[in-house]
Amino acid sequence: MAQGPILIFDKSSLESLNLDEAVLLDNFYMSNITPLFFVECLADLEKAIKSRSTPEQLVGSLATRTPEAQACANIHHQTILQGELTRHFDLTTVLERPLLGGGKPVQLGDKKGIIFQRSPEEEALQRWSHREFLQVERSFAKNWRNSILRINHDDLVKTVMAGIGHWRKPTSLADAKQMADYIIDNMDPDWLIGFSIELFDPPGAQRAIPWVRNDWASKRKPPIRQYLPYLTHMLSINIFFALVIQTQLLRDVKPSHQIDLAYLYYLPFCSVFTSKDRFHAQVAPLFMTEHQTFVNGVELKEDLQKLDQHYSSMLDEVRKRGLWTFALVPPEDTHFLITRLWDKYLPLWRAHKDMPNLDTPEHQQKLVEEINKFADDENPEVVSHDEHDVSKLDHVTIKRSVLARKGKWRRFSEEQERSMSESADGKIS
């Protein structure tokens, strides 16, 4: 199976792709799908769409194009913040990886791993891929949307500016980001802890404030940026926005920008962020590290079009072998954006491109047998462990159903399809 840079996309990028391009996106990127993607898409169900399609048809079309083979669902930012405040999550250990919920640590012999059971976000992704988006809206997305939209722009500006006091107007967006960082680094940290927690109001916020302050003091009062890096990230975004909203640096600010702004909360959990939205194009790079990459959705679309043309020109006998055989890695030509991104984030791929494909039925069978040993709750040899650094684990297991064919592309060869266990609806687990 292919790998790829860890990608977060918003609705604007995905809706510009046709189905065949979306399949190639799923083939070459590891997609980290945020709760905000569901919030954005499902908001269309409440709109009057000026087209011949119904809102349900348009949302259903997006659901079909959403990656499912190499996709995972990041947990909600409020849950992440709550985890940091209770010292159950350390942002410095993430290293641009998705943050998943429902992980069960398992150890068999000297091998350690995590088996991910369905978190609310993963449950939403599963239902979304089955086009059960109305159930996603009822169960998850409505609450997620309400948690974002309950604070309007005016309230945000008033609350933040009342807390940080009077500051000059920034002269540019980059200047506003520098000002936000300066404010955080120079405000009274004890006060800043309480102010920030009250601003974001995670579950159990009032009980958390004294505990966090005491824990921070017990650790000799390190800089807040070091002690609470995720809270600092979120706070810098909101202070930045409060400073900028009073200027003309961002034009035509809309209520939808609250969702656009919240996308920035998930930047630490990807290597690549893509959007066609002008707001994101202007603001997102300011909150990304030098190692991360912002890709305009237009450029992403153009590259996937070129990939589609490239692979469509291959002989039928080659394409019948399936993407996971002839397109296990991208083309070597660096004119392709995806090739340059693989060079940046998976620099060893060229050295291993001629390795045999292990996604054979025989290898898959052995892998399934190994995973089943770890997943067996009645196996007395399987115990828990306390290793939280994913990079030190032997395996991470996420169970998901994948369409064997999607659009014009087949992922497996005919022989692989016949030999693999296939469900009635054409999905391979």
Protein backbone atom coordinates (compact mmCIF):
# COMPACT_ATOMS: atom_id res chain seq x y z
CA MET A 1 0.00 0.00 0.00
CA ALA A 2 1.20 3.51 -0.78
CA GLN A 3 2.14 6.00 1.90
CA GLY A 4 2.59 9.73 1.51
CA PRO A 5 2.88 13.08 3.25
CA ILE A 6 0.27 13.68 5.95
CA LEU A 7 -2.28 16.04 4.43
CA ILE A 8 -5.09 18.14 5.86
CA PHE A 9 -7.53 19.57 3.33
CA ASP A 10 -10.60 21.75 3.66
CA LYS A 11 -13.81 21.50 1.66
CA SER A 12 -12.64 23.97 -0.99
CA SER A 13 -9.77 21.73 -2.07
CA LEU A 14 -11.73 18.49 -2.19
CA GLU A 15 -14.76 19.87 -4.00
CA SER A 16 -12.54 21.07 -6.87
CA LEU A 17 -11.47 17.48 -7.64
CA ASN A 18 -13.26 14.98 -9.82
CA LEU A 19 -13.57 11.41 -8.55
CA ASP A 20 -10.56 10.04 -10.42
CA GLU A 21 -8.34 12.84 -9.09
CA ALA A 22 -9.66 12.22 -5.59
CA VAL A 23 -8.65 8.55 -5.83
CA LEU A 24 -5.10 9.58 -6.72
CA LEU A 25 -5.09 12.00 -3.78
CA ASP A 26 -6.00 9.05 -1.56
CA ASN A 27 -3.26 6.97 -3.17
CA PHE A 28 -0.34 9.33 -2.64
CA TYR A 29 -1.26 11.23 0.56
CA MET A 30 -2.10 10.16 4.09
CA SER A 31 -5.20 12.27 4.71
CA ASN A 32 -5.89 13.59 8.20
CA ILE A 33 -9.56 14.53 8.22
CA THR A 34 -10.55 17.07 10.84
CA PRO A 35 -13.99 17.41 12.46
CA LEU A 36 -14.20 20.80 10.75
CA PHE A 37 -14.33 19.13 7.33
CA PHE A 38 -17.61 17.46 8.30
CA VAL A 39 -18.85 20.73 9.80
CA GLU A 40 -18.08 22.61 6.57
CA CYS A 41 -19.66 20.06 4.27
CA LEU A 42 -22.76 19.38 6.31
CA ALA A 43 -23.48 23.08 6.65
CA ASP A 44 -24.46 22.86 2.96
CA LEU A 45 -27.47 20.78 3.93
CA GLU A 46 -29.01 23.94 5.40
CA LYS A 47 -28.28 26.13 2.38
CA ALA A 48 -30.32 26.89 -0.71
CA ILE A 49 -28.06 25.57 -3.46
CA LYS A 50 -28.23 27.40 -6.80
CA SER A 51 -27.87 24.34 -9.00
CA ARG A 52 -29.87 21.46 -10.35
CA SER A 53 -28.50 19.21 -7.60
CA THR A 54 -30.06 19.01 -4.16
CA PRO A 55 -27.93 19.80 -1.10
CA GLU A 56 -28.04 16.10 -0.24
CA GLN A 57 -26.65 15.19 -3.67
CA LEU A 58 -23.82 17.73 -3.41
CA VAL A 59 -22.84 16.58 0.08
CA GLY A 60 -23.10 12.98 -1.08
CA SER A 61 -20.75 13.76 -3.96
CA LEU A 62 -18.20 15.15 -1.49
CA ALA A 63 -18.57 12.03 0.65
CA THR A 64 -17.77 9.86 -2.37
CA ARG A 65 -14.64 11.87 -3.13
CA THR A 66 -13.41 11.84 0.48
CA PRO A 67 -10.33 9.61 0.96
CA GLU A 68 -11.03 6.36 2.76
CA ALA A 69 -8.07 4.09 1.98
CA GLN A 70 -5.38 6.27 3.54
CA ALA A 71 -7.44 8.45 5.82
CA CYS A 72 -7.85 8.89 9.54
CA ALA A 73 -9.93 11.26 11.65
CA ASN A 74 -8.20 13.65 14.04
CA ILE A 75 -9.82 14.11 17.43
CA HIS A 76 -11.55 17.42 18.17
CA HIS A 77 -9.35 20.33 19.23
CA GLN A 78 -11.23 20.74 22.52
CA THR A 79 -10.41 17.14 23.40
CA ILE A 80 -6.76 17.76 22.50
CA LEU A 81 -6.67 20.83 24.71
CA GLN A 82 -8.27 18.96 27.58
CA GLY A 83 -5.63 16.24 27.18
CA GLU A 84 -2.81 18.78 27.37
CA LEU A 85 -4.23 20.49 30.44
CA THR A 86 -4.48 17.15 32.26
CA ARG A 87 -0.97 16.20 31.13
CA HIS A 88 -2.20 13.25 29.06
CA PHE A 89 -1.00 14.78 25.80
CA ASP A 90 2.33 16.30 24.81
CA LEU A 91 2.37 18.19 21.51
CA THR A 92 6.14 17.79 21.18
CA THR A 93 5.72 14.03 20.65
CA VAL A 94 3.32 14.39 17.72
CA LEU A 95 5.82 15.38 14.99
CA GLU A 96 3.19 16.40 12.40
CA ARG A 97 1.21 13.18 12.84
CA PRO A 98 -2.56 12.82 13.20
CA LEU A 99 -3.85 12.59 16.75
CA LEU A 100 -6.30 9.73 16.98
CA GLY A 101 -8.64 8.74 19.77
CA GLY A 102 -9.66 5.33 21.07
CA GLY A 103 -6.17 3.81 21.13
CA LYS A 104 -5.71 0.60 23.13
CA PRO A 105 -2.06 -0.17 24.02
CA VAL A 106 -1.22 -3.85 23.51
CA GLN A 107 2.00 -5.80 24.00
CA LEU A 108 2.77 -9.37 22.97
CA GLY A 109 6.24 -10.54 23.88
CA ASP A 110 8.67 -7.74 23.12
CA LYS A 111 6.42 -6.15 20.49
CA LYS A 112 4.32 -3.12 21.41
CA GLY A 113 1.51 -1.55 19.47
CA ILE A 114 -1.76 0.35 19.56
CA ILE A 115 -5.06 -0.88 18.20
CA PHE A 116 -7.39 2.01 17.47
CA GLN A 117 -11.02 1.39 18.18
CA ARG A 118 -13.56 3.85 16.88
CA SER A 119 -13.48 7.30 18.42
CA PRO A 120 -16.41 9.66 17.71
CA GLU A 121 -14.36 11.20 14.91
CA GLU A 122 -13.50 7.81 13.38
CA GLU A 123 -17.14 6.81 13.69
CA ALA A 124 -18.08 9.95 11.78
CA LEU A 125 -15.55 9.16 9.05
CA GLN A 126 -16.85 5.61 8.71
CA ARG A 127 -20.45 6.79 8.37
CA TRP A 128 -19.35 9.57 6.03
CA SER A 129 -17.65 7.10 3.69
CA HIS A 130 -20.89 5.10 3.66
CA ARG A 131 -22.78 8.29 2.72
CA GLU A 132 -24.65 8.27 6.03
CA PHE A 133 -24.01 11.99 6.36
CA LEU A 134 -27.39 12.79 7.86
CA GLN A 135 -26.53 10.52 10.77
CA VAL A 136 -23.12 12.19 11.03
CA GLU A 137 -24.87 15.56 11.30
CA ARG A 138 -27.26 14.35 13.99
CA SER A 139 -24.63 12.53 16.02
CA PHE A 140 -21.52 14.67 15.75
CA ALA A 141 -21.29 17.60 13.37
CA LYS A 142 -24.06 19.73 14.83
CA ASN A 143 -22.42 19.80 18.26
CA TRP A 144 -19.00 20.43 16.71
CA ARG A 145 -20.39 23.34 14.71
CA ASN A 146 -22.18 24.83 17.70
CA SER A 147 -18.98 24.71 19.77
CA ILE A 148 -17.27 26.86 17.12
CA LEU A 149 -20.05 29.26 16.22
CA ARG A 150 -21.17 30.11 19.75
CA ILE A 151 -18.43 32.79 19.90
CA ASN A 152 -18.88 35.48 17.27
CA HIS A 153 -16.21 37.82 15.99
CA ASP A 154 -17.25 40.77 18.12
CA ASP A 155 -17.25 38.71 21.32
CA LEU A 156 -13.85 37.25 20.48
CA VAL A 157 -12.28 40.65 19.87
CA LYS A 158 -13.81 42.18 23.00
CA THR A 159 -12.75 39.27 25.20
CA VAL A 160 -9.20 39.05 23.89
CA MET A 161 -8.55 42.79 23.79
CA ALA A 162 -10.01 43.26 27.27
CA GLY A 163 -7.57 40.65 28.49
CA ILE A 164 -4.38 41.73 26.75
CA GLY A 165 -4.96 45.48 26.94
CA HIS A 166 -4.29 48.19 24.36
CA TRP A 167 -1.79 47.48 21.58
CA ARG A 168 -0.92 49.27 18.37
CA LYS A 169 -2.51 48.17 15.13
CA PRO A 170 -0.36 45.72 13.16
CA THR A 171 1.00 46.89 9.81
CA SER A 172 0.86 43.47 8.14
CA LEU A 173 -0.33 39.94 8.82
CA ALA A 174 3.23 38.87 9.62
CA ASP A 175 3.50 41.81 12.02
CA ALA A 176 0.28 40.69 13.72
CA LYS A 177 1.69 37.19 14.20
CA GLN A 178 4.88 38.60 15.74
CA MET A 179 2.81 40.81 18.03
CA ALA A 180 0.71 37.84 19.16
CA ASP A 181 3.85 35.87 20.00
CA TYR A 182 5.33 38.83 21.86
CA ILE A 183 2.17 39.30 23.91
CA ILE A 184 2.10 35.63 24.93
CA ASP A 185 5.77 35.61 25.86
CA ASN A 186 5.57 38.78 27.93
CA MET A 187 2.22 38.58 29.75
CA ASP A 188 2.06 37.34 33.35
CA PRO A 189 2.04 33.54 32.82
CA ASP A 190 -0.05 32.81 35.91
CA TRP A 191 -2.78 35.14 34.64
CA LEU A 192 -2.36 33.86 31.08
CA ILE A 193 -3.14 30.28 32.14
CA GLY A 194 -6.48 31.28 33.63
CA PHE A 195 -7.38 33.66 30.82
CA SER A 196 -6.62 31.11 28.08
CA ILE A 197 -8.52 28.26 29.70
CA GLU A 198 -11.56 30.48 30.24
CA LEU A 199 -11.34 31.72 26.64
CA PHE A 200 -11.46 28.24 25.09
CA ASP A 201 -13.63 26.72 27.82
CA PRO A 202 -12.72 23.03 27.42
CA PRO A 203 -14.67 20.44 29.46
CA GLY A 204 -13.98 20.93 33.17
CA ALA A 205 -12.34 24.31 32.56
CA GLN A 206 -13.03 25.86 35.96
CA ARG A 207 -11.70 22.83 37.83
CA ALA A 208 -8.68 22.72 35.55
CA ILE A 209 -7.40 26.25 36.22
CA PRO A 210 -6.16 25.80 39.82
CA TRP A 211 -4.79 22.32 39.07
CA VAL A 212 -2.85 23.53 36.00
CA ARG A 213 -1.48 26.53 37.88
CA ASN A 214 -0.29 24.31 40.75
CA ASP A 215 1.27 21.78 38.37
CA TRP A 216 2.99 24.56 36.43
CA ALA A 217 4.37 26.03 39.67
CA SER A 218 5.58 22.59 40.82
CA LYS A 219 7.65 22.36 37.64
CA ARG A 220 9.43 25.64 38.49
CA LYS A 221 7.21 27.80 36.28
CA PRO A 222 8.61 27.11 32.81
CA PRO A 223 7.58 29.38 29.91
CA ILE A 224 3.96 28.80 28.93
CA ARG A 225 5.07 28.16 25.35
CA GLN A 226 7.08 25.21 26.68
CA TYR A 227 4.62 24.00 29.32
CA LEU A 228 1.40 24.29 27.27
CA PRO A 229 2.49 24.37 23.60
CA TYR A 230 -0.92 23.46 22.16
CA LEU A 231 -2.75 26.04 24.27
CA THR A 232 -0.13 28.56 23.17
CA HIS A 233 -0.74 27.65 19.52
CA MET A 234 -4.50 28.16 19.87
CA LEU A 235 -4.07 31.37 21.85
CA SER A 236 -1.69 32.88 19.31
CA ILE A 237 -4.27 32.26 16.55
CA ASN A 238 -6.99 34.05 18.49
CA ILE A 239 -4.83 36.99 19.57
CA PHE A 240 -3.65 37.33 15.97
CA PHE A 241 -7.23 37.40 14.72
CA ALA A 242 -8.31 39.93 17.36
CA LEU A 243 -5.46 42.24 16.35
CA VAL A 244 -6.11 41.89 12.62
CA ILE A 245 -9.90 42.18 12.70
CA GLN A 246 -9.57 45.83 13.73
CA THR A 247 -7.60 46.63 10.57
CA GLN A 248 -8.17 46.30 6.82
CA LEU A 249 -5.51 43.61 6.47
CA LEU A 250 -8.22 40.96 6.03
CA ARG A 251 -11.11 42.08 3.86
CA ASP A 252 -14.66 40.77 3.79
CA VAL A 253 -14.45 38.92 7.10
CA LYS A 254 -17.44 36.57 7.28
CA PRO A 255 -18.95 34.40 10.01
CA SER A 256 -17.60 31.38 8.09
CA HIS A 257 -14.12 32.57 8.98
CA GLN A 258 -14.68 31.13 12.44
CA ILE A 259 -14.50 27.69 10.87
CA ASP A 260 -11.59 28.76 8.66
CA LEU A 261 -9.81 30.01 11.75
CA ALA A 262 -10.44 26.76 13.63
CA TYR A 263 -8.75 24.79 10.84
CA LEU A 264 -5.51 26.39 12.00
CA TYR A 265 -5.86 24.58 15.33
CA TYR A 266 -5.06 21.34 13.47
CA LEU A 267 -1.90 22.51 11.69
CA PRO A 268 0.43 20.71 14.16
CA PHE A 269 -1.05 17.42 12.98
CA CYS A 270 -0.02 17.49 9.32
CA SER A 271 2.95 18.01 7.05
CA VAL A 272 0.93 19.58 4.24
CA PHE A 273 -2.14 21.81 4.45
CA THR A 274 -4.11 22.63 1.33
CA SER A 275 -6.94 25.05 0.66
CA LYS A 276 -8.28 27.22 -2.14
CA ASP A 277 -9.61 29.69 0.42
CA ARG A 278 -7.95 33.14 0.26
CA PHE A 279 -8.08 33.46 4.05
CA HIS A 280 -6.13 30.24 4.48
CA ALA A 281 -3.65 31.17 1.76
CA GLN A 282 -2.89 34.41 3.60
CA VAL A 283 -2.92 33.20 7.19
CA ALA A 284 -2.07 29.48 7.41
CA PRO A 285 1.63 29.78 6.43
CA LEU A 286 2.17 32.16 9.37
CA PHE A 287 1.30 29.37 11.80
CA MET A 288 3.20 26.58 10.06
CA THR A 289 6.78 25.55 10.72
CA GLU A 290 9.52 25.76 8.11
CA HIS A 291 9.23 22.01 7.68
CA GLN A 292 5.54 22.17 6.80
CA THR A 293 4.13 23.09 3.38
CA PHE A 294 1.07 25.08 2.36
CA VAL A 295 -0.27 24.04 -1.05
CA ASN A 296 -2.87 26.16 -2.77
CA GLY A 297 -5.83 24.01 -3.79
CA VAL A 298 -5.44 25.16 -7.39
CA GLU A 299 -1.89 23.77 -7.51
CA LEU A 300 -3.06 20.53 -5.89
CA LYS A 301 -5.79 20.14 -8.52
CA GLU A 302 -3.36 20.79 -11.39
CA ASP A 303 -0.90 18.19 -10.08
CA LEU A 304 -3.59 15.54 -9.69
CA GLN A 305 -4.77 16.28 -13.23
CA LYS A 306 -1.22 15.66 -14.49
CA LEU A 307 -1.03 12.43 -12.50
CA ASP A 308 -4.35 11.31 -13.94
CA GLN A 309 -3.09 11.95 -17.47
CA HIS A 310 0.22 10.23 -16.70
CA TYR A 311 -1.30 7.00 -15.42
CA SER A 312 -4.19 7.00 -17.90
CA SER A 313 -1.66 6.89 -20.73
CA MET A 314 -0.29 3.54 -19.50
CA LEU A 315 -1.20 0.33 -21.27
CA ASP A 316 -4.38 -1.41 -20.17
CA GLU A 317 -2.41 -4.46 -19.04
CA VAL A 318 -0.43 -2.23 -16.66
CA ARG A 319 -3.46 -0.42 -15.26
CA LYS A 320 -5.23 -3.73 -14.66
CA ARG A 321 -2.55 -4.57 -12.08
CA GLY A 322 -4.02 -1.90 -9.78
CA LEU A 323 -2.77 1.39 -8.33
CA TRP A 324 -1.22 -0.35 -5.35
CA THR A 325 1.08 -2.15 -7.77
CA PHE A 326 2.07 0.27 -10.54
CA ALA A 327 1.57 3.49 -8.50
CA LEU A 328 2.93 2.39 -5.15
CA VAL A 329 5.24 5.43 -5.30
CA PRO A 330 4.91 8.63 -7.37
CA PRO A 331 6.65 9.27 -10.71
CA GLU A 332 10.34 10.08 -10.41
CA ASP A 333 9.90 13.30 -12.38
CA THR A 334 10.16 16.27 -9.98
CA HIS A 335 7.87 18.31 -12.22
CA PHE A 336 5.13 16.60 -10.24
CA LEU A 337 4.28 18.34 -6.95
CA ILE A 338 3.64 15.00 -5.25
CA THR A 339 7.14 13.82 -6.17
CA ARG A 340 8.72 16.89 -4.58
CA LEU A 341 6.61 16.39 -1.45
CA TRP A 342 7.64 12.73 -1.20
CA ASP A 343 11.27 13.82 -1.58
CA LYS A 344 10.78 16.23 1.31
CA TYR A 345 8.79 14.06 3.70
CA LEU A 346 9.74 10.51 2.66
CA PRO A 347 13.33 11.04 1.46
CA LEU A 348 14.19 7.32 1.41
CA TRP A 349 11.42 6.36 -1.01
CA ARG A 350 13.65 6.45 -4.09
CA ALA A 351 16.13 4.04 -2.55
CA HIS A 352 13.32 1.57 -1.79
CA LYS A 353 11.16 2.08 -4.88
CA ASP A 354 12.28 -1.23 -6.43
CA MET A 355 11.53 -3.27 -3.32
CA PRO A 356 8.95 -6.02 -3.90
CA ASN A 357 5.36 -5.11 -3.15
CA LEU A 358 4.43 -6.75 0.14
CA ASP A 359 0.74 -6.16 -0.42
CA THR A 360 0.29 -9.68 -1.73
CA PRO A 361 -2.48 -11.97 -0.47
CA GLU A 362 0.13 -14.12 1.29
CA HIS A 363 1.69 -11.17 3.09
CA GLN A 364 -1.72 -9.73 3.94
CA GLN A 365 -2.80 -13.06 5.42
CA LYS A 366 0.28 -13.21 7.66
CA LEU A 367 -0.29 -9.60 8.70
CA VAL A 368 -3.92 -10.25 9.58
CA GLU A 369 -2.96 -13.28 11.66
CA GLU A 370 -0.38 -11.19 13.55
CA ILE A 371 -2.87 -8.38 14.21
CA ASN A 372 -5.52 -10.84 15.37
CA LYS A 373 -3.15 -12.15 18.03
CA PHE A 374 -2.83 -8.63 19.45
CA ALA A 375 -6.56 -7.94 19.13
CA ASP A 376 -7.63 -11.10 20.95
CA ASP A 377 -9.01 -9.87 24.30
CA GLU A 378 -8.93 -13.42 25.67
CA ASN A 379 -5.26 -13.99 24.87
CA PRO A 380 -3.54 -14.03 28.30
CA GLU A 381 -0.19 -13.21 26.69
CA VAL A 382 -1.45 -9.81 25.50
CA VAL A 383 -0.83 -7.11 28.10
CA SER A 384 -0.98 -3.33 28.22
CA HIS A 385 1.99 -0.95 28.09
CA ASP A 386 2.66 2.73 28.85
CA GLU A 387 4.60 3.76 25.72
CA HIS A 388 2.99 6.92 24.29
CA ASP A 389 5.55 7.75 21.58
CA VAL A 390 4.15 6.25 18.37
CA SER A 391 7.58 6.28 16.71
CA LYS A 392 8.77 3.70 19.28
CA LEU A 393 5.95 1.24 18.62
CA ASP A 394 6.17 -1.82 16.39
CA HIS A 395 2.74 -1.29 14.85
CA VAL A 396 -0.36 0.88 14.84
CA THR A 397 -3.57 -0.79 13.69
CA ILE A 398 -6.64 0.97 12.29
CA LYS A 399 -9.36 -1.24 10.83
CA ARG A 400 -11.20 0.16 7.83
CA SER A 401 -13.16 -0.94 4.76
CA VAL A 402 -11.74 0.10 1.40
CA LEU A 403 -13.37 0.10 -2.02
CA ALA A 404 -11.46 -2.21 -4.37
CA ARG A 405 -12.42 0.04 -7.30
CA LYS A 406 -13.29 3.72 -7.32
CA GLY A 407 -13.90 5.93 -10.32
CA LYS A 408 -11.98 4.50 -13.25
CA TRP A 409 -9.21 3.18 -11.00
CA ARG A 410 -8.81 -0.26 -9.53
CA ARG A 411 -6.61 -0.54 -6.45
CA PHE A 412 -5.88 -4.26 -6.72
CA SER A 413 -5.33 -6.63 -9.59
CA GLU A 414 -8.10 -9.01 -10.60
CA GLU A 415 -6.14 -11.86 -9.02
CA GLN A 416 -5.81 -9.96 -5.73
CA GLU A 417 -9.50 -9.11 -5.76
CA ARG A 418 -10.43 -12.75 -6.21
CA SER A 419 -8.09 -14.00 -3.50
CA MET A 420 -8.94 -11.39 -0.88
CA SER A 421 -12.00 -11.67 1.29
CA GLU A 422 -14.59 -9.43 -0.35
CA SER A 423 -17.82 -8.29 1.24
CA ALA A 424 -21.15 -8.13 -0.54
CA ASP A 425 -20.90 -4.38 -1.24
CA GLY A 426 -17.54 -4.66 -2.98
CA LYS A 427 -15.45 -3.48 -0.06
CA ILE A 428 -12.31 -5.13 1.19
CA SER A 429 -11.56 -5.03 4.90
